[in-house]
PDB file of all heavy atoms in Angstrom:
ATOM      1  N   GLU A   1      23.800 111.518 154.679  1.00  0.00           N
ATOM      2  CA  GLU A   1      25.030 112.204 154.264  1.00  0.00           C
ATOM      3  C   GLU A   1      26.011 111.070 153.550  1.00  0.00           C
ATOM      4  O   GLU A   1      26.175 109.982 153.961  1.00  0.00           O
ATOM      5  CB  GLU A   1      25.883 112.789 155.446  1.00  0.00           C
ATOM      6  CG  GLU A   1      27.195 113.298 155.039  1.00  0.00           C
ATOM      7  CD  GLU A   1      27.993 113.677 156.256  1.00  0.00           C
ATOM      8  OE1 GLU A   1      27.604 113.233 157.328  1.00  0.00           O
ATOM      9  OE2 GLU A   1      28.912 114.426 156.236  1.00  0.00           O
ATOM     10  N   PHE A   2      26.484 111.432 152.417  1.00  0.00           N
ATOM     11  CA  PHE A   2      27.384 110.517 151.629  1.00  0.00           C
ATOM     12  C   PHE A   2      28.686 110.368 152.423  1.00  0.00           C
ATOM     13  O   PHE A   2      29.235 111.350 152.903  1.00  0.00           O
ATOM     14  CB  PHE A   2      27.733 111.183 150.204  1.00  0.00           C
ATOM     15  CG  PHE A   2      28.609 110.288 149.554  1.00  0.00           C
ATOM     16  CD1 PHE A   2      28.435 109.012 148.973  1.00  0.00           C
ATOM     17  CD2 PHE A   2      29.960 110.896 149.251  1.00  0.00           C
ATOM     18  CE1 PHE A   2      29.314 108.393 148.247  1.00  0.00           C
ATOM     19  CE2 PHE A   2      30.886 110.204 148.621  1.00  0.00           C
ATOM     20  CZ  PHE A   2      30.571 108.971 148.030  1.00  0.00           C
ATOM     21  N   VAL A   3      29.156 109.156 152.416  1.00  0.00           N
ATOM     22  CA  VAL A   3      30.470 108.781 153.102  1.00  0.00           C
ATOM     23  C   VAL A   3      31.519 108.425 152.001  1.00  0.00           C
ATOM     24  O   VAL A   3      32.648 109.036 151.953  1.00  0.00           O
ATOM     25  CB  VAL A   3      30.295 107.709 154.136  1.00  0.00           C
ATOM     26  CG1 VAL A   3      31.680 107.314 154.765  1.00  0.00           C
ATOM     27  CG2 VAL A   3      29.426 108.126 155.257  1.00  0.00           C
ATOM     28  N   ALA A   4      31.273 107.411 151.250  1.00  0.00           N
ATOM     29  CA  ALA A   4      32.222 106.860 150.394  1.00  0.00           C
ATOM     30  C   ALA A   4      31.515 105.974 149.297  1.00  0.00           C
ATOM     31  O   ALA A   4      30.336 105.462 149.659  1.00  0.00           O
ATOM     32  CB  ALA A   4      33.313 106.193 150.968  1.00  0.00           C
ATOM     33  N   ALA A   5      32.082 105.681 148.180  1.00  0.00           N
ATOM     34  CA  ALA A   5      31.545 104.671 147.253  1.00  0.00           C
ATOM     35  C   ALA A   5      32.514 104.116 146.387  1.00  0.00           C
ATOM     36  O   ALA A   5      33.695 104.593 146.257  1.00  0.00           O
ATOM     37  CB  ALA A   5      30.545 105.438 146.301  1.00  0.00           C
ATOM     38  N   PHE A   6      32.251 102.946 145.951  1.00  0.00           N
ATOM     39  CA  PHE A   6      33.151 102.118 145.007  1.00  0.00           C
ATOM     40  C   PHE A   6      32.258 101.809 143.850  1.00  0.00           C
ATOM     41  O   PHE A   6      31.165 101.383 143.856  1.00  0.00           O
ATOM     42  CB  PHE A   6      33.595 100.862 145.643  1.00  0.00           C
ATOM     43  CG  PHE A   6      34.102  99.774 144.651  1.00  0.00           C
ATOM     44  CD1 PHE A   6      35.457 100.052 144.171  1.00  0.00           C
ATOM     45  CD2 PHE A   6      33.448  98.843 144.187  1.00  0.00           C
ATOM     46  CE1 PHE A   6      35.924  99.132 143.204  1.00  0.00           C
ATOM     47  CE2 PHE A   6      33.866  97.981 143.329  1.00  0.00           C
ATOM     48  CZ  PHE A   6      35.187  98.090 142.713  1.00  0.00           C
ATOM     49  N   ALA A   7      32.883 102.173 142.628  1.00  0.00           N
ATOM     50  CA  ALA A   7      32.235 101.804 141.385  1.00  0.00           C
ATOM     51  C   ALA A   7      33.001 100.732 140.612  1.00  0.00           C
ATOM     52  O   ALA A   7      34.265 101.022 140.432  1.00  0.00           O
ATOM     53  CB  ALA A   7      32.067 103.042 140.439  1.00  0.00           C
ATOM     54  N   SER A   8      32.399  99.632 140.372  1.00  0.00           N
ATOM     55  CA  SER A   8      33.221  98.555 139.694  1.00  0.00           C
ATOM     56  C   SER A   8      33.693  98.863 138.289  1.00  0.00           C
ATOM     57  O   SER A   8      34.750  98.436 137.863  1.00  0.00           O
ATOM     58  CB  SER A   8      32.369  97.340 139.598  1.00  0.00           C
ATOM     59  OG  SER A   8      31.186  97.524 138.914  1.00  0.00           O
ATOM     60  N   SER A   9      32.966  99.716 137.626  1.00  0.00           N
ATOM     61  CA  SER A   9      33.341 100.199 136.329  1.00  0.00           C
ATOM     62  C   SER A   9      34.463 101.129 136.441  1.00  0.00           C
ATOM     63  O   SER A   9      34.399 102.319 137.029  1.00  0.00           O
ATOM     64  CB  SER A   9      32.179 100.957 135.593  1.00  0.00           C
ATOM     65  OG  SER A   9      32.569 101.290 134.220  1.00  0.00           O
ATOM     66  N   GLY A  10      35.715 100.724 135.910  1.00  0.00           N
ATOM     67  CA  GLY A  10      36.798 101.598 136.198  1.00  0.00           C
ATOM     68  C   GLY A  10      37.451 101.400 137.540  1.00  0.00           C
ATOM     69  O   GLY A  10      38.570 102.005 137.620  1.00  0.00           O
ATOM     70  N   ILE A  11      36.952 100.622 138.435  1.00  0.00           N
ATOM     71  CA  ILE A  11      37.625 100.395 139.755  1.00  0.00           C
ATOM     72  C   ILE A  11      37.799 101.738 140.385  1.00  0.00           C
ATOM     73  O   ILE A  11      38.960 102.071 140.737  1.00  0.00           O
ATOM     74  CB  ILE A  11      38.769  99.464 139.710  1.00  0.00           C
ATOM     75  CG1 ILE A  11      38.548  98.248 138.803  1.00  0.00           C
ATOM     76  CG2 ILE A  11      39.154  98.999 141.073  1.00  0.00           C
ATOM     77  CD1 ILE A  11      37.390  97.401 139.170  1.00  0.00           C
ATOM     78  N   ARG A  12      36.746 102.495 140.597  1.00  0.00           N
ATOM     79  CA  ARG A  12      36.894 103.882 141.125  1.00  0.00           C
ATOM     80  C   ARG A  12      36.393 103.921 142.594  1.00  0.00           C
ATOM     81  O   ARG A  12      35.540 103.244 143.054  1.00  0.00           O
ATOM     82  CB  ARG A  12      36.064 104.844 140.330  1.00  0.00           C
ATOM     83  CG  ARG A  12      36.573 104.938 138.887  1.00  0.00           C
ATOM     84  CD  ARG A  12      35.569 105.796 138.063  1.00  0.00           C
ATOM     85  NE  ARG A  12      34.438 104.961 137.818  1.00  0.00           N
ATOM     86  CZ  ARG A  12      33.185 105.435 137.760  1.00  0.00           C
ATOM     87  NH1 ARG A  12      32.880 106.623 137.999  1.00  0.00           N
ATOM     88  NH2 ARG A  12      32.213 104.614 137.428  1.00  0.00           N
ATOM     89  N   PHE A  13      37.023 104.807 143.348  1.00  0.00           N
ATOM     90  CA  PHE A  13      36.759 104.952 144.725  1.00  0.00           C
ATOM     91  C   PHE A  13      36.473 106.577 144.958  1.00  0.00           C
ATOM     92  O   PHE A  13      37.259 107.337 144.425  1.00  0.00           O
ATOM     93  CB  PHE A  13      37.947 104.623 145.633  1.00  0.00           C
ATOM     94  CG  PHE A  13      38.130 103.103 145.671  1.00  0.00           C
ATOM     95  CD1 PHE A  13      39.093 102.630 144.590  1.00  0.00           C
ATOM     96  CD2 PHE A  13      37.535 102.226 146.471  1.00  0.00           C
ATOM     97  CE1 PHE A  13      39.397 101.225 144.641  1.00  0.00           C
ATOM     98  CE2 PHE A  13      37.787 100.904 146.427  1.00  0.00           C
ATOM     99  CZ  PHE A  13      38.718 100.468 145.474  1.00  0.00           C
ATOM    100  N   VAL A  14      35.469 106.866 145.587  1.00  0.00           N
ATOM    101  CA  VAL A  14      35.092 108.196 145.828  1.00  0.00           C
ATOM    102  C   VAL A  14      34.769 108.300 147.276  1.00  0.00           C
ATOM    103  O   VAL A  14      34.140 107.575 147.976  1.00  0.00           O
ATOM    104  CB  VAL A  14      33.849 108.647 145.016  1.00  0.00           C
ATOM    105  CG1 VAL A  14      33.468 110.065 145.326  1.00  0.00           C
ATOM    106  CG2 VAL A  14      34.134 108.601 143.546  1.00  0.00           C
ATOM    107  N   TYR A  15      35.286 109.474 147.878  1.00  0.00           N
ATOM    108  CA  TYR A  15      35.072 109.778 149.280  1.00  0.00           C
ATOM    109  C   TYR A  15      34.494 111.133 149.487  1.00  0.00           C
ATOM    110  O   TYR A  15      34.880 112.122 148.704  1.00  0.00           O
ATOM    111  CB  TYR A  15      36.457 109.725 150.077  1.00  0.00           C
ATOM    112  CG  TYR A  15      37.070 108.370 150.045  1.00  0.00           C
ATOM    113  CD1 TYR A  15      37.919 107.941 149.044  1.00  0.00           C
ATOM    114  CD2 TYR A  15      36.814 107.428 151.095  1.00  0.00           C
ATOM    115  CE1 TYR A  15      38.502 106.722 149.047  1.00  0.00           C
ATOM    116  CE2 TYR A  15      37.390 106.154 151.110  1.00  0.00           C
ATOM    117  CZ  TYR A  15      38.240 105.853 150.083  1.00  0.00           C
ATOM    118  OH  TYR A  15      38.776 104.541 150.123  1.00  0.00           O
ATOM    119  N   ALA A  16      33.791 111.392 150.537  1.00  0.00           N
ATOM    120  CA  ALA A  16      33.344 112.714 150.860  1.00  0.00           C
ATOM    121  C   ALA A  16      34.655 113.480 151.264  1.00  0.00           C
ATOM    122  O   ALA A  16      35.503 112.956 151.852  1.00  0.00           O
ATOM    123  CB  ALA A  16      32.357 112.665 152.071  1.00  0.00           C
ATOM    124  N   ASP A  17      34.567 114.749 150.823  1.00  0.00           N
ATOM    125  CA  ASP A  17      35.828 115.528 151.133  1.00  0.00           C
ATOM    126  C   ASP A  17      36.142 115.729 152.513  1.00  0.00           C
ATOM    127  O   ASP A  17      37.328 115.645 152.932  1.00  0.00           O
ATOM    128  CB  ASP A  17      35.591 116.959 150.447  1.00  0.00           C
ATOM    129  CG  ASP A  17      35.521 116.976 148.932  1.00  0.00           C
ATOM    130  OD1 ASP A  17      36.079 116.042 148.363  1.00  0.00           O
ATOM    131  OD2 ASP A  17      35.019 118.002 148.429  1.00  0.00           O
ATOM    132  N   SER A  18      35.132 115.798 153.380  1.00  0.00           N
ATOM    133  CA  SER A  18      35.431 115.878 154.787  1.00  0.00           C
ATOM    134  C   SER A  18      35.982 114.597 155.561  1.00  0.00           C
ATOM    135  O   SER A  18      36.475 114.654 156.544  1.00  0.00           O
ATOM    136  CB  SER A  18      34.163 116.351 155.584  1.00  0.00           C
ATOM    137  OG  SER A  18      33.149 115.458 155.437  1.00  0.00           O
ATOM    138  N   LEU A  19      35.827 113.507 154.777  1.00  0.00           N
ATOM    139  CA  LEU A  19      36.244 112.218 155.392  1.00  0.00           C
ATOM    140  C   LEU A  19      37.383 111.651 154.806  1.00  0.00           C
ATOM    141  O   LEU A  19      37.994 110.622 155.328  1.00  0.00           O
ATOM    142  CB  LEU A  19      35.026 111.245 155.276  1.00  0.00           C
ATOM    143  CG  LEU A  19      33.719 111.696 156.047  1.00  0.00           C
ATOM    144  CD1 LEU A  19      32.650 110.688 155.767  1.00  0.00           C
ATOM    145  CD2 LEU A  19      33.950 112.014 157.427  1.00  0.00           C
ATOM    146  N   ARG A  20      37.788 112.104 153.690  1.00  0.00           N
ATOM    147  CA  ARG A  20      38.976 111.581 153.061  1.00  0.00           C
ATOM    148  C   ARG A  20      40.289 111.524 153.969  1.00  0.00           C
ATOM    149  O   ARG A  20      40.558 112.639 154.589  1.00  0.00           O
ATOM    150  CB  ARG A  20      39.259 112.325 151.751  1.00  0.00           C
ATOM    151  CG  ARG A  20      40.329 111.783 150.818  1.00  0.00           C
ATOM    152  CD  ARG A  20      40.507 112.540 149.493  1.00  0.00           C
ATOM    153  NE  ARG A  20      39.379 112.475 148.630  1.00  0.00           N
ATOM    154  CZ  ARG A  20      38.559 113.505 148.395  1.00  0.00           C
ATOM    155  NH1 ARG A  20      38.855 114.699 149.073  1.00  0.00           N
ATOM    156  NH2 ARG A  20      37.502 113.358 147.707  1.00  0.00           N
ATOM    157  N   GLY A  21      40.856 110.415 153.944  1.00  0.00           N
ATOM    158  CA  GLY A  21      42.060 110.341 154.857  1.00  0.00           C
ATOM    159  C   GLY A  21      41.763 109.560 156.165  1.00  0.00           C
ATOM    160  O   GLY A  21      42.754 108.971 156.693  1.00  0.00           O
ATOM    161  N   ARG A  22      40.612 109.645 156.560  1.00  0.00           N
ATOM    162  CA  ARG A  22      40.163 108.833 157.762  1.00  0.00           C
ATOM    163  C   ARG A  22      39.322 107.589 157.363  1.00  0.00           C
ATOM    164  O   ARG A  22      39.385 106.579 158.215  1.00  0.00           O
ATOM    165  CB  ARG A  22      39.336 109.723 158.708  1.00  0.00           C
ATOM    166  CG  ARG A  22      40.125 110.891 159.233  1.00  0.00           C
ATOM    167  CD  ARG A  22      39.426 111.458 160.539  1.00  0.00           C
ATOM    168  NE  ARG A  22      38.043 112.027 160.047  1.00  0.00           N
ATOM    169  CZ  ARG A  22      36.888 111.572 160.616  1.00  0.00           C
ATOM    170  NH1 ARG A  22      36.906 110.491 161.490  1.00  0.00           N
ATOM    171  NH2 ARG A  22      35.731 112.142 160.289  1.00  0.00           N
ATOM    172  N   PHE A  23      38.534 107.666 156.453  1.00  0.00           N
ATOM    173  CA  PHE A  23      37.817 106.508 156.016  1.00  0.00           C
ATOM    174  C   PHE A  23      38.280 105.917 154.657  1.00  0.00           C
ATOM    175  O   PHE A  23      38.715 106.602 153.818  1.00  0.00           O
ATOM    176  CB  PHE A  23      36.247 106.841 155.747  1.00  0.00           C
ATOM    177  CG  PHE A  23      35.531 107.279 157.045  1.00  0.00           C
ATOM    178  CD1 PHE A  23      36.129 107.563 158.266  1.00  0.00           C
ATOM    179  CD2 PHE A  23      34.166 107.351 157.046  1.00  0.00           C
ATOM    180  CE1 PHE A  23      35.387 107.895 159.355  1.00  0.00           C
ATOM    181  CE2 PHE A  23      33.483 107.604 158.164  1.00  0.00           C
ATOM    182  CZ  PHE A  23      34.034 107.936 159.323  1.00  0.00           C
ATOM    183  N   THR A  24      38.176 104.468 154.675  1.00  0.00           N
ATOM    184  CA  THR A  24      38.774 103.787 153.502  1.00  0.00           C
ATOM    185  C   THR A  24      37.661 102.663 153.135  1.00  0.00           C
ATOM    186  O   THR A  24      37.300 102.003 154.096  1.00  0.00           O
ATOM    187  CB  THR A  24      40.172 103.203 153.768  1.00  0.00           C
ATOM    188  OG1 THR A  24      41.003 104.203 154.110  1.00  0.00           O
ATOM    189  CG2 THR A  24      40.486 102.483 152.608  1.00  0.00           C
ATOM    190  N   ILE A  25      37.338 102.646 151.886  1.00  0.00           N
ATOM    191  CA  ILE A  25      36.507 101.441 151.413  1.00  0.00           C
ATOM    192  C   ILE A  25      37.265 100.488 150.664  1.00  0.00           C
ATOM    193  O   ILE A  25      38.295 100.732 150.103  1.00  0.00           O
ATOM    194  CB  ILE A  25      35.360 102.068 150.583  1.00  0.00           C
ATOM    195  CG1 ILE A  25      35.955 102.902 149.431  1.00  0.00           C
ATOM    196  CG2 ILE A  25      34.443 102.840 151.384  1.00  0.00           C
ATOM    197  CD1 ILE A  25      34.743 103.234 148.435  1.00  0.00           C
ATOM    198  N   SER A  26      36.772  99.243 150.810  1.00  0.00           N
ATOM    199  CA  SER A  26      37.363  98.102 150.128  1.00  0.00           C
ATOM    200  C   SER A  26      36.395  97.119 149.848  1.00  0.00           C
ATOM    201  O   SER A  26      35.200  97.176 150.251  1.00  0.00           O
ATOM    202  CB  SER A  26      38.564  97.498 150.902  1.00  0.00           C
ATOM    203  OG  SER A  26      38.141  97.058 152.179  1.00  0.00           O
TER     204      SER A  26
END
């Protein structure tokens, strides 16, 4: 299951809808 991702191009952060707000990537 996908949790979260960071893409260096554009400095983008993506989170699974069900986890957004509880999980943070850095």
